Amino acid sequence: METADFISRLLDVIEQDIIPMTARGVAQGNKLFGAAILKKSDLSVVVAETNNETENPLWHGEMHAIKRFFELPEDQRPATKDCVFLTSHEPCSLCLSGITWSGFDNFYYLFTYQDSRDSFGIPYDIQILQAVYAVPDPDRSAVPPERPLYNRSNAFFKSRGLQEMVAGLDRGHRENLLARLDDISAAYADLSAVYQRDKGNKGIPLA
């Protein structure tokens, strides 16, 4: 499944479905995280959503997408095992749990935790995973910095970063998709600038 065409389709969904919705959300004071759920069979979009923390601090992009997904009538909702879960940013601890408890067996993300912290000024994903979940070894006072923040492949799901996937393609496909990634990154940089300028006045606990 993880071919250049597959990656290209996921980038289509980010560009055409998630980003326009996120732009509206950011204008209302929400963060720039979004997600979509697609059918594995034809990669059509079942639902796409964005962060809606101004309504409820639990409505991260992924959690809001999951909420919308399970609000669909049962006869219009594919089984989670038959879906691809796509996120704009690597899911936080809340969203990792939501994806897992909902039964999705995969997710794909565009930006990493480090991108969220360094490029978008939102450090909480790393901070919470380290402060709440990462238990030090008995003979060490701190968690080793090289330890992964979660198991990206485990009994419940497999996850992949789109940037890493693109880097592993042949040169022709890689160069084409890297150009698209540059455009998408620029769009998110613009959204981030709006969010950072206006954050703090909407009552979001971790703005």
N, C-alpha and C. Protein backbone atom coordinates (compact mmCIF):
# COMPACT_ATOMS: atom_id res chain seq x y z
N MET A 1 0.83 -1.21 0.00
CA MET A 1 0.00 0.00 0.00
C MET A 1 0.86 1.26 0.00
N GLU A 2 2.02 1.19 0.63
CA GLU A 2 2.80 2.41 0.87
C GLU A 2 3.67 2.75 -0.34
N THR A 3 3.01 3.10 -1.44
CA THR A 3 3.67 3.47 -2.68
C THR A 3 3.64 4.99 -2.83
N ALA A 4 4.31 5.48 -3.88
CA ALA A 4 4.28 6.91 -4.15
C ALA A 4 2.85 7.39 -4.39
N ASP A 5 2.05 6.57 -5.07
CA ASP A 5 0.66 6.95 -5.33
C ASP A 5 -0.13 7.04 -4.01
N PHE A 6 0.13 6.12 -3.11
CA PHE A 6 -0.53 6.14 -1.79
C PHE A 6 -0.16 7.40 -1.03
N ILE A 7 1.13 7.72 -0.99
CA ILE A 7 1.58 8.93 -0.29
C ILE A 7 0.97 10.17 -0.95
N SER A 8 0.95 10.18 -2.27
CA SER A 8 0.39 11.32 -2.99
C SER A 8 -1.08 11.52 -2.65
N ARG A 9 -1.81 10.43 -2.53
CA ARG A 9 -3.22 10.54 -2.17
C ARG A 9 -3.38 11.12 -0.76
N LEU A 10 -2.54 10.69 0.18
CA LEU A 10 -2.63 11.24 1.53
C LEU A 10 -2.32 12.73 1.53
N LEU A 11 -1.36 13.14 0.70
CA LEU A 11 -1.07 14.57 0.60
C LEU A 11 -2.24 15.32 -0.03
N ASP A 12 -2.93 14.69 -0.99
CA ASP A 12 -4.14 15.29 -1.56
C ASP A 12 -5.14 15.61 -0.46
N VAL A 13 -5.34 14.64 0.43
CA VAL A 13 -6.34 14.81 1.49
C VAL A 13 -5.91 15.92 2.44
N ILE A 14 -4.64 15.98 2.76
CA ILE A 14 -4.16 17.07 3.62
C ILE A 14 -4.41 18.42 2.95
N GLU A 15 -4.07 18.52 1.67
CA GLU A 15 -4.21 19.79 0.95
C GLU A 15 -5.67 20.18 0.73
N GLN A 16 -6.48 19.22 0.33
CA GLN A 16 -7.83 19.53 -0.15
C GLN A 16 -8.90 19.44 0.93
N ASP A 17 -8.67 18.62 1.93
CA ASP A 17 -9.70 18.40 2.95
C ASP A 17 -9.31 18.98 4.31
N ILE A 18 -8.09 18.68 4.76
CA ILE A 18 -7.71 19.07 6.12
C ILE A 18 -7.31 20.53 6.21
N ILE A 19 -6.45 21.01 5.33
CA ILE A 19 -5.96 22.39 5.44
C ILE A 19 -7.07 23.43 5.35
N PRO A 20 -8.01 23.35 4.39
CA PRO A 20 -9.07 24.37 4.37
C PRO A 20 -9.88 24.40 5.66
N MET A 21 -10.17 23.21 6.21
CA MET A 21 -10.91 23.14 7.46
C MET A 21 -10.08 23.71 8.61
N THR A 22 -8.79 23.41 8.59
CA THR A 22 -7.90 23.91 9.63
C THR A 22 -7.78 25.42 9.58
N ALA A 23 -7.75 25.98 8.39
CA ALA A 23 -7.67 27.44 8.27
C ALA A 23 -8.86 28.11 8.95
N ARG A 24 -10.04 27.52 8.79
CA ARG A 24 -11.22 28.08 9.45
C ARG A 24 -11.12 27.91 10.97
N GLY A 25 -10.60 26.75 11.39
CA GLY A 25 -10.45 26.51 12.83
C GLY A 25 -9.45 27.44 13.48
N VAL A 26 -8.32 27.65 12.82
CA VAL A 26 -7.29 28.53 13.35
C VAL A 26 -7.82 29.97 13.46
N ALA A 27 -8.64 30.37 12.50
CA ALA A 27 -9.22 31.71 12.54
C ALA A 27 -10.12 31.90 13.76
N GLN A 28 -10.61 30.79 14.32
CA GLN A 28 -11.46 30.85 15.51
C GLN A 28 -10.65 30.64 16.80
N GLY A 29 -9.32 30.48 16.66
CA GLY A 29 -8.47 30.36 17.84
C GLY A 29 -7.99 28.96 18.16
N ASN A 30 -8.27 28.00 17.28
CA ASN A 30 -7.86 26.61 17.52
C ASN A 30 -6.47 26.33 16.98
N LYS A 31 -5.85 25.26 17.50
CA LYS A 31 -4.54 24.84 17.00
C LYS A 31 -4.67 24.29 15.59
N LEU A 32 -3.51 24.03 14.96
CA LEU A 32 -3.50 23.67 13.55
C LEU A 32 -3.39 22.18 13.30
N PHE A 33 -3.84 21.35 14.24
CA PHE A 33 -3.77 19.90 14.05
C PHE A 33 -5.07 19.39 13.44
N GLY A 34 -4.95 18.54 12.42
CA GLY A 34 -6.13 17.99 11.76
C GLY A 34 -5.94 16.52 11.46
N ALA A 35 -7.02 15.88 11.04
CA ALA A 35 -6.97 14.45 10.76
C ALA A 35 -8.07 14.08 9.78
N ALA A 36 -7.90 12.92 9.15
CA ALA A 36 -8.92 12.38 8.26
C ALA A 36 -8.91 10.87 8.38
N ILE A 37 -10.06 10.28 8.13
CA ILE A 37 -10.22 8.83 8.11
C ILE A 37 -10.67 8.44 6.72
N LEU A 38 -9.92 7.53 6.11
CA LEU A 38 -10.17 7.11 4.73
C LEU A 38 -10.48 5.63 4.68
N LYS A 39 -11.21 5.21 3.65
CA LYS A 39 -11.41 3.79 3.40
C LYS A 39 -10.13 3.20 2.81
N LYS A 40 -9.70 2.06 3.31
CA LYS A 40 -8.53 1.40 2.74
C LYS A 40 -8.78 0.97 1.29
N SER A 41 -10.02 0.63 0.99
CA SER A 41 -10.33 0.03 -0.32
C SER A 41 -10.10 0.98 -1.48
N ASP A 42 -10.48 2.25 -1.32
CA ASP A 42 -10.34 3.19 -2.43
C ASP A 42 -9.75 4.54 -2.01
N LEU A 43 -9.37 4.66 -0.75
CA LEU A 43 -8.78 5.88 -0.19
C LEU A 43 -9.70 7.09 -0.30
N SER A 44 -11.00 6.84 -0.32
CA SER A 44 -11.95 7.94 -0.25
C SER A 44 -12.08 8.41 1.19
N VAL A 45 -12.38 9.69 1.36
CA VAL A 45 -12.47 10.28 2.70
C VAL A 45 -13.82 9.94 3.33
N VAL A 46 -13.77 9.38 4.53
CA VAL A 46 -14.99 9.14 5.31
C VAL A 46 -15.32 10.38 6.11
N VAL A 47 -14.35 10.87 6.88
CA VAL A 47 -14.50 12.15 7.59
C VAL A 47 -13.15 12.85 7.60
N ALA A 48 -13.19 14.16 7.64
CA ALA A 48 -12.00 14.98 7.87
C ALA A 48 -12.37 16.00 8.93
N GLU A 49 -11.42 16.29 9.81
CA GLU A 49 -11.71 17.24 10.88
C GLU A 49 -10.45 18.00 11.25
N THR A 50 -10.65 18.99 12.10
CA THR A 50 -9.54 19.78 12.61
C THR A 50 -9.74 20.03 14.10
N ASN A 51 -8.75 20.60 14.72
CA ASN A 51 -8.79 20.89 16.15
C ASN A 51 -9.96 21.81 16.47
N ASN A 52 -10.68 21.49 17.55
CA ASN A 52 -11.80 22.32 17.98
C ASN A 52 -11.76 22.51 19.49
N GLU A 53 -10.57 22.86 20.01
CA GLU A 53 -10.39 23.01 21.46
C GLU A 53 -11.15 24.19 22.04
N THR A 54 -11.56 25.14 21.21
CA THR A 54 -12.33 26.26 21.75
C THR A 54 -13.71 25.80 22.20
N GLU A 55 -14.18 24.66 21.69
CA GLU A 55 -15.43 24.07 22.15
C GLU A 55 -15.20 23.13 23.32
N ASN A 56 -14.15 22.31 23.20
CA ASN A 56 -13.86 21.29 24.22
C ASN A 56 -12.36 21.00 24.13
N PRO A 57 -11.61 21.11 25.23
CA PRO A 57 -10.16 20.90 25.15
C PRO A 57 -9.76 19.49 24.74
N LEU A 58 -10.70 18.55 24.75
CA LEU A 58 -10.40 17.19 24.27
C LEU A 58 -10.55 17.05 22.77
N TRP A 59 -11.12 18.05 22.11
CA TRP A 59 -11.35 17.91 20.66
C TRP A 59 -10.11 18.30 19.88
N HIS A 60 -9.04 17.52 20.10
CA HIS A 60 -7.88 17.62 19.22
C HIS A 60 -8.31 17.16 17.82
N GLY A 61 -7.48 17.42 16.82
CA GLY A 61 -7.89 17.07 15.47
C GLY A 61 -8.27 15.61 15.32
N GLU A 62 -7.45 14.72 15.88
CA GLU A 62 -7.72 13.29 15.77
C GLU A 62 -8.97 12.90 16.56
N MET A 63 -9.10 13.42 17.78
CA MET A 63 -10.25 13.08 18.61
C MET A 63 -11.55 13.62 18.00
N HIS A 64 -11.48 14.78 17.40
CA HIS A 64 -12.66 15.35 16.75
C HIS A 64 -13.05 14.51 15.54
N ALA A 65 -12.05 14.01 14.79
CA ALA A 65 -12.34 13.13 13.66
C ALA A 65 -12.97 11.83 14.13
N ILE A 66 -12.44 11.25 15.21
CA ILE A 66 -13.01 10.02 15.76
C ILE A 66 -14.46 10.25 16.21
N LYS A 67 -14.70 11.37 16.88
CA LYS A 67 -16.06 11.70 17.31
C LYS A 67 -17.00 11.75 16.12
N ARG A 68 -16.60 12.48 15.09
CA ARG A 68 -17.43 12.59 13.89
C ARG A 68 -17.63 11.24 13.21
N PHE A 69 -16.61 10.42 13.19
CA PHE A 69 -16.67 9.11 12.56
C PHE A 69 -17.74 8.25 13.23
N PHE A 70 -17.76 8.22 14.55
CA PHE A 70 -18.72 7.38 15.25
C PHE A 70 -20.10 8.01 15.36
N GLU A 71 -20.25 9.24 14.94
CA GLU A 71 -21.58 9.85 14.82
C GLU A 71 -22.25 9.48 13.50
N LEU A 72 -21.49 8.93 12.55
CA LEU A 72 -22.08 8.50 11.29
C LEU A 72 -23.02 7.32 11.54
N PRO A 73 -24.10 7.20 10.75
CA PRO A 73 -24.94 6.01 10.87
C PRO A 73 -24.12 4.75 10.63
N GLU A 74 -24.45 3.70 11.35
CA GLU A 74 -23.64 2.48 11.29
C GLU A 74 -23.53 1.93 9.87
N ASP A 75 -24.60 2.08 9.09
CA ASP A 75 -24.56 1.54 7.72
C ASP A 75 -23.75 2.41 6.77
N GLN A 76 -23.30 3.58 7.23
CA GLN A 76 -22.45 4.45 6.42
C GLN A 76 -21.02 4.52 6.95
N ARG A 77 -20.73 3.71 7.95
CA ARG A 77 -19.45 3.79 8.64
C ARG A 77 -18.69 2.48 8.48
N PRO A 78 -17.55 2.51 7.79
CA PRO A 78 -16.77 1.28 7.66
C PRO A 78 -16.18 0.85 8.99
N ALA A 79 -15.80 -0.41 9.08
CA ALA A 79 -15.11 -0.88 10.27
C ALA A 79 -13.77 -0.18 10.39
N THR A 80 -13.35 0.09 11.61
CA THR A 80 -12.08 0.80 11.78
C THR A 80 -10.92 0.03 11.17
N LYS A 81 -10.97 -1.30 11.18
CA LYS A 81 -9.89 -2.10 10.60
C LYS A 81 -9.81 -1.93 9.09
N ASP A 82 -10.85 -1.38 8.49
CA ASP A 82 -10.89 -1.16 7.05
C ASP A 82 -10.57 0.28 6.69
N CYS A 83 -9.98 1.02 7.64
CA CYS A 83 -9.73 2.45 7.43
C CYS A 83 -8.25 2.79 7.56
N VAL A 84 -7.86 3.85 6.90
CA VAL A 84 -6.56 4.50 7.06
C VAL A 84 -6.79 5.75 7.90
N PHE A 85 -5.98 5.92 8.94
CA PHE A 85 -6.08 7.10 9.79
C PHE A 85 -4.92 8.02 9.45
N LEU A 86 -5.23 9.24 9.05
CA LEU A 86 -4.23 10.22 8.62
C LEU A 86 -4.25 11.41 9.55
N THR A 87 -3.08 11.84 10.01
CA THR A 87 -3.00 13.02 10.87
C THR A 87 -1.98 14.01 10.30
N SER A 88 -2.25 15.28 10.51
CA SER A 88 -1.31 16.29 10.05
C SER A 88 -0.04 16.28 10.90
N HIS A 89 -0.19 15.98 12.19
CA HIS A 89 0.93 15.98 13.13
C HIS A 89 0.91 14.69 13.92
N GLU A 90 2.07 14.23 14.33
CA GLU A 90 2.17 13.01 15.11
C GLU A 90 1.27 13.11 16.35
N PRO A 91 0.43 12.12 16.59
CA PRO A 91 -0.59 12.24 17.64
C PRO A 91 -0.02 12.33 19.04
N CYS A 92 -0.63 13.18 19.85
CA CYS A 92 -0.25 13.32 21.25
C CYS A 92 -0.70 12.08 22.03
N SER A 93 -0.42 12.06 23.32
CA SER A 93 -0.80 10.91 24.15
C SER A 93 -2.31 10.68 24.16
N LEU A 94 -3.08 11.75 24.23
CA LEU A 94 -4.54 11.63 24.18
C LEU A 94 -4.99 10.97 22.89
N CYS A 95 -4.47 11.46 21.77
CA CYS A 95 -4.91 10.97 20.47
C CYS A 95 -4.37 9.58 20.16
N LEU A 96 -3.16 9.28 20.64
CA LEU A 96 -2.67 7.90 20.53
C LEU A 96 -3.65 6.95 21.20
N SER A 97 -4.11 7.31 22.38
CA SER A 97 -5.06 6.47 23.10
C SER A 97 -6.39 6.39 22.37
N GLY A 98 -6.86 7.52 21.85
CA GLY A 98 -8.13 7.53 21.12
C GLY A 98 -8.09 6.65 19.89
N ILE A 99 -7.01 6.73 19.14
CA ILE A 99 -6.86 5.88 17.95
C ILE A 99 -6.85 4.41 18.35
N THR A 100 -6.12 4.10 19.42
CA THR A 100 -6.00 2.71 19.87
C THR A 100 -7.33 2.17 20.37
N TRP A 101 -7.99 2.90 21.27
CA TRP A 101 -9.25 2.44 21.83
C TRP A 101 -10.34 2.35 20.78
N SER A 102 -10.24 3.12 19.71
CA SER A 102 -11.26 3.08 18.66
C SER A 102 -11.08 1.90 17.72
N GLY A 103 -9.91 1.26 17.76
CA GLY A 103 -9.71 0.07 16.95
C GLY A 103 -9.03 0.29 15.61
N PHE A 104 -8.53 1.49 15.36
CA PHE A 104 -7.77 1.71 14.13
C PHE A 104 -6.42 1.01 14.26
N ASP A 105 -6.02 0.30 13.21
CA ASP A 105 -4.78 -0.48 13.30
C ASP A 105 -3.59 0.21 12.64
N ASN A 106 -3.76 1.49 12.29
CA ASN A 106 -2.69 2.23 11.63
C ASN A 106 -2.92 3.71 11.80
N PHE A 107 -1.86 4.48 11.64
CA PHE A 107 -2.01 5.90 11.36
C PHE A 107 -0.75 6.40 10.65
N TYR A 108 -0.94 7.44 9.85
CA TYR A 108 0.13 8.08 9.10
C TYR A 108 0.13 9.55 9.48
N TYR A 109 1.30 10.11 9.71
CA TYR A 109 1.39 11.50 10.13
C TYR A 109 2.39 12.25 9.26
N LEU A 110 2.16 13.55 9.09
CA LEU A 110 3.05 14.38 8.27
C LEU A 110 4.18 14.97 9.11
N PHE A 111 3.84 15.75 10.13
CA PHE A 111 4.85 16.42 10.95
C PHE A 111 5.11 15.63 12.23
N THR A 112 6.36 15.60 12.66
CA THR A 112 6.76 14.86 13.85
C THR A 112 6.53 15.69 15.12
N TYR A 113 6.71 15.06 16.28
CA TYR A 113 6.67 15.79 17.54
C TYR A 113 7.69 16.92 17.54
N GLN A 114 8.87 16.64 17.01
CA GLN A 114 9.92 17.66 16.97
C GLN A 114 9.50 18.83 16.09
N ASP A 115 8.80 18.55 14.99
CA ASP A 115 8.26 19.63 14.16
C ASP A 115 7.25 20.45 14.95
N SER A 116 6.36 19.77 15.66
CA SER A 116 5.36 20.50 16.45
C SER A 116 6.02 21.44 17.44
N ARG A 117 7.09 20.96 18.07
CA ARG A 117 7.80 21.78 19.06
C ARG A 117 8.62 22.89 18.41
N ASP A 118 9.42 22.53 17.41
CA ASP A 118 10.42 23.47 16.89
C ASP A 118 9.87 24.39 15.80
N SER A 119 8.98 23.87 14.96
CA SER A 119 8.46 24.68 13.85
C SER A 119 7.14 25.36 14.18
N PHE A 120 6.36 24.75 15.08
CA PHE A 120 5.02 25.27 15.34
C PHE A 120 4.81 25.77 16.77
N GLY A 121 5.86 25.73 17.58
CA GLY A 121 5.79 26.31 18.91
C GLY A 121 4.82 25.62 19.86
N ILE A 122 4.60 24.32 19.66
CA ILE A 122 3.68 23.56 20.52
C ILE A 122 4.45 22.36 21.07
N PRO A 123 5.02 22.48 22.28
CA PRO A 123 5.91 21.46 22.82
C PRO A 123 5.24 20.39 23.67
N TYR A 124 3.90 20.48 23.84
CA TYR A 124 3.25 19.67 24.87
C TYR A 124 3.25 18.18 24.58
N ASP A 125 3.25 17.78 23.31
CA ASP A 125 3.25 16.35 22.99
C ASP A 125 4.46 15.67 23.64
N ILE A 126 5.63 16.22 23.38
CA ILE A 126 6.85 15.65 23.96
C ILE A 126 6.86 15.80 25.47
N GLN A 127 6.51 16.97 25.96
CA GLN A 127 6.55 17.22 27.40
C GLN A 127 5.66 16.27 28.18
N ILE A 128 4.44 16.04 27.70
CA ILE A 128 3.51 15.17 28.42
C ILE A 128 3.97 13.72 28.35
N LEU A 129 4.40 13.26 27.18
CA LEU A 129 4.86 11.87 27.07
C LEU A 129 6.06 11.62 27.98
N GLN A 130 6.96 12.60 28.09
CA GLN A 130 8.13 12.43 28.95
C GLN A 130 7.78 12.56 30.42
N ALA A 131 6.95 13.54 30.76
CA ALA A 131 6.67 13.80 32.17
C ALA A 131 5.69 12.82 32.79
N VAL A 132 4.73 12.34 32.00
CA VAL A 132 3.68 11.48 32.55
C VAL A 132 3.96 10.00 32.34
N TYR A 133 4.48 9.65 31.15
CA TYR A 133 4.54 8.24 30.78
C TYR A 133 5.93 7.61 30.83
N ALA A 134 6.95 8.38 30.63
CA ALA A 134 8.29 7.80 30.51
C ALA A 134 8.88 7.57 31.89
N VAL A 135 8.94 6.32 32.31
CA VAL A 135 9.45 5.96 33.63
C VAL A 135 10.95 5.68 33.53
N PRO A 136 11.76 6.30 34.39
CA PRO A 136 13.22 6.07 34.33
C PRO A 136 13.58 4.62 34.64
N ASP A 137 14.72 4.19 34.13
CA ASP A 137 15.27 2.90 34.54
C ASP A 137 15.60 2.96 36.03
N PRO A 138 15.53 1.82 36.73
CA PRO A 138 15.78 1.83 38.19
C PRO A 138 17.12 2.44 38.58
N ASP A 139 18.13 2.29 37.73
CA ASP A 139 19.46 2.78 38.09
C ASP A 139 19.76 4.15 37.49
N ARG A 140 18.74 4.82 36.97
CA ARG A 140 18.94 6.14 36.40
C ARG A 140 17.90 7.09 36.97
N SER A 141 18.27 8.33 37.15
CA SER A 141 17.35 9.30 37.73
C SER A 141 16.46 9.97 36.69
N ALA A 142 16.80 9.80 35.43
CA ALA A 142 16.02 10.42 34.36
C ALA A 142 15.84 9.43 33.21
N VAL A 143 14.86 9.71 32.37
CA VAL A 143 14.63 8.87 31.19
C VAL A 143 15.69 9.17 30.15
N PRO A 144 16.33 8.14 29.59
CA PRO A 144 17.34 8.39 28.56
C PRO A 144 16.74 9.17 27.39
N PRO A 145 17.39 10.23 26.94
CA PRO A 145 16.82 11.05 25.87
C PRO A 145 16.66 10.30 24.56
N GLU A 146 17.41 9.23 24.37
CA GLU A 146 17.32 8.49 23.12
C GLU A 146 16.17 7.50 23.10
N ARG A 147 15.50 7.30 24.23
CA ARG A 147 14.40 6.33 24.28
C ARG A 147 13.22 6.85 23.46
N PRO A 148 12.64 6.02 22.58
CA PRO A 148 11.46 6.46 21.82
C PRO A 148 10.31 6.84 22.75
N LEU A 149 9.48 7.77 22.33
CA LEU A 149 8.38 8.23 23.16
C LEU A 149 7.21 7.26 23.18
N TYR A 150 7.11 6.41 22.17
CA TYR A 150 6.09 5.35 22.15
C TYR A 150 6.52 4.32 21.11
N ASN A 151 5.89 3.16 21.14
CA ASN A 151 6.20 2.10 20.18
C ASN A 151 5.42 2.35 18.90
N ARG A 152 6.10 2.75 17.86
CA ARG A 152 5.41 3.10 16.61
C ARG A 152 4.83 1.89 15.89
N SER A 153 5.32 0.72 16.21
CA SER A 153 4.75 -0.52 15.71
C SER A 153 4.53 -1.44 16.89
N ASN A 154 3.29 -1.83 17.13
CA ASN A 154 2.97 -2.62 18.32
C ASN A 154 1.77 -3.51 18.04
N ALA A 155 1.26 -4.16 19.07
CA ALA A 155 0.17 -5.12 18.89
C ALA A 155 -1.14 -4.45 18.47
N PHE A 156 -1.26 -3.13 18.64
CA PHE A 156 -2.50 -2.44 18.33
C PHE A 156 -2.47 -1.69 17.00
N PHE A 157 -1.34 -1.07 16.67
CA PHE A 157 -1.27 -0.30 15.43
C PHE A 157 0.16 -0.23 14.92
N LYS A 158 0.24 0.14 13.64
CA LYS A 158 1.52 0.48 13.02
C LYS A 158 1.41 1.91 12.52
N SER A 159 2.43 2.71 12.77
CA SER A 159 2.40 4.11 12.34
C SER A 159 3.61 4.42 11.47
N ARG A 160 3.43 5.36 10.56
CA ARG A 160 4.52 5.77 9.68
C ARG A 160 4.48 7.27 9.48
N GLY A 161 5.65 7.88 9.40
CA GLY A 161 5.76 9.30 9.09
C GLY A 161 5.88 9.49 7.58
N LEU A 162 5.09 10.38 7.02
CA LEU A 162 5.10 10.58 5.57
C LEU A 162 6.44 11.12 5.08
N GLN A 163 7.07 11.97 5.86
CA GLN A 163 8.37 12.51 5.41
C GLN A 163 9.41 11.39 5.31
N GLU A 164 9.39 10.49 6.26
CA GLU A 164 10.30 9.35 6.22
C GLU A 164 9.98 8.44 5.03
N MET A 165 8.71 8.25 4.76
CA MET A 165 8.30 7.42 3.63
C MET A 165 8.76 8.03 2.30
N VAL A 166 8.57 9.34 2.17
CA VAL A 166 9.00 10.03 0.95
C VAL A 166 10.51 9.89 0.76
N ALA A 167 11.26 10.01 1.84
CA ALA A 167 12.72 9.92 1.76
C ALA A 167 13.17 8.56 1.25
N GLY A 168 12.35 7.53 1.42
CA GLY A 168 12.72 6.19 1.00
C GLY A 168 12.33 5.84 -0.43
N LEU A 169 11.73 6.78 -1.15
CA LEU A 169 11.31 6.52 -2.53
C LEU A 169 12.47 6.71 -3.50
N ASP A 170 12.26 6.26 -4.74
CA ASP A 170 13.25 6.51 -5.79
C ASP A 170 13.29 8.01 -6.08
N ARG A 171 14.37 8.43 -6.75
CA ARG A 171 14.65 9.86 -6.88
C ARG A 171 13.53 10.63 -7.56
N GLY A 172 12.96 10.09 -8.65
CA GLY A 172 11.93 10.81 -9.38
C GLY A 172 10.70 11.07 -8.53
N HIS A 173 10.19 10.03 -7.90
CA HIS A 173 9.02 10.19 -7.04
C HIS A 173 9.36 11.06 -5.84
N ARG A 174 10.55 10.88 -5.29
CA ARG A 174 10.94 11.62 -4.10
C ARG A 174 10.97 13.12 -4.38
N GLU A 175 11.57 13.52 -5.48
CA GLU A 175 11.69 14.95 -5.77
C GLU A 175 10.32 15.59 -5.98
N ASN A 176 9.43 14.88 -6.66
CA ASN A 176 8.10 15.41 -6.89
C ASN A 176 7.35 15.59 -5.57
N LEU A 177 7.41 14.59 -4.71
CA LEU A 177 6.69 14.66 -3.45
C LEU A 177 7.33 15.63 -2.47
N LEU A 178 8.66 15.77 -2.53
CA LEU A 178 9.32 16.75 -1.67
C LEU A 178 8.87 18.16 -2.01
N ALA A 179 8.65 18.42 -3.30
CA ALA A 179 8.16 19.74 -3.70
C ALA A 179 6.76 19.98 -3.12
N ARG A 180 5.93 18.95 -3.13
CA ARG A 180 4.60 19.09 -2.54
C ARG A 180 4.69 19.29 -1.02
N LEU A 181 5.59 18.56 -0.39
CA LEU A 181 5.77 18.73 1.05
C LEU A 181 6.21 20.15 1.40
N ASP A 182 7.05 20.74 0.56
CA ASP A 182 7.47 22.12 0.79
C ASP A 182 6.27 23.06 0.76
N ASP A 183 5.39 22.87 -0.22
CA ASP A 183 4.20 23.72 -0.33
C ASP A 183 3.28 23.54 0.87
N ILE A 184 3.09 22.30 1.29
CA ILE A 184 2.22 22.04 2.43
C ILE A 184 2.83 22.63 3.70
N SER A 185 4.14 22.47 3.86
CA SER A 185 4.81 23.03 5.03
C SER A 185 4.66 24.54 5.07
N ALA A 186 4.73 25.18 3.92
CA ALA A 186 4.57 26.64 3.87
C ALA A 186 3.15 27.03 4.29
N ALA A 187 2.17 26.25 3.86
CA ALA A 187 0.78 26.54 4.25
C ALA A 187 0.61 26.41 5.76
N TYR A 188 1.21 25.38 6.34
CA TYR A 188 1.11 25.21 7.79
C TYR A 188 1.90 26.28 8.54
N ALA A 189 3.00 26.73 7.97
CA ALA A 189 3.75 27.82 8.60
C ALA A 189 2.90 29.08 8.69
N ASP A 190 2.14 29.35 7.65
CA ASP A 190 1.24 30.51 7.67
C ASP A 190 0.15 30.34 8.73
N LEU A 191 -0.42 29.14 8.81
CA LEU A 191 -1.45 28.88 9.83
C LEU A 191 -0.86 29.00 11.23
N SER A 192 0.35 28.51 11.40
CA SER A 192 1.00 28.58 12.70
C SER A 192 1.21 30.04 13.13
N ALA A 193 1.60 30.88 12.18
CA ALA A 193 1.82 32.29 12.50
C ALA A 193 0.54 32.93 13.00
N VAL A 194 -0.58 32.59 12.39
CA VAL A 194 -1.87 33.13 12.84
C VAL A 194 -2.21 32.62 14.23
N TYR A 195 -2.02 31.32 14.44
CA TYR A 195 -2.34 30.75 15.76
C TYR A 195 -1.46 31.37 16.85
N GLN A 196 -0.16 31.43 16.62
CA GLN A 196 0.75 31.97 17.63
C GLN A 196 0.46 33.43 17.92
N ARG A 197 0.03 34.17 16.92
CA ARG A 197 -0.28 35.59 17.12
C ARG A 197 -1.50 35.78 18.01
N ASP A 198 -2.49 34.89 17.87
CA ASP A 198 -3.78 35.12 18.53
C ASP A 198 -4.04 34.19 19.71
N LYS A 199 -3.11 33.25 19.98
CA LYS A 199 -3.41 32.26 21.04
C LYS A 199 -3.45 32.94 22.41
N GLY A 200 -4.07 32.23 23.35
CA GLY A 200 -4.07 32.71 24.73
C GLY A 200 -5.33 33.43 25.14
N ASN A 201 -6.22 33.72 24.19
CA ASN A 201 -7.41 34.47 24.56
C ASN A 201 -8.70 33.68 24.32
N LYS A 202 -8.57 32.34 24.18
CA LYS A 202 -9.73 31.52 23.92
C LYS A 202 -10.01 30.50 25.02
N GLY A 203 -9.24 30.55 26.11
CA GLY A 203 -9.50 29.66 27.22
C GLY A 203 -9.01 28.24 27.04
N ILE A 204 -8.13 27.98 26.08
CA ILE A 204 -7.57 26.65 25.89
C ILE A 204 -6.52 26.42 26.96
N PRO A 205 -6.62 25.33 27.75
CA PRO A 205 -5.69 25.13 28.88
C PRO A 205 -4.22 25.11 28.47
N LEU A 206 -3.87 24.38 27.41
CA LEU A 206 -2.48 24.33 26.95
C LEU A 206 -2.41 24.99 25.58
N ALA A 207 -2.40 26.29 25.57
CA ALA A 207 -2.41 27.05 24.32
C ALA A 207 -1.01 27.13 23.73
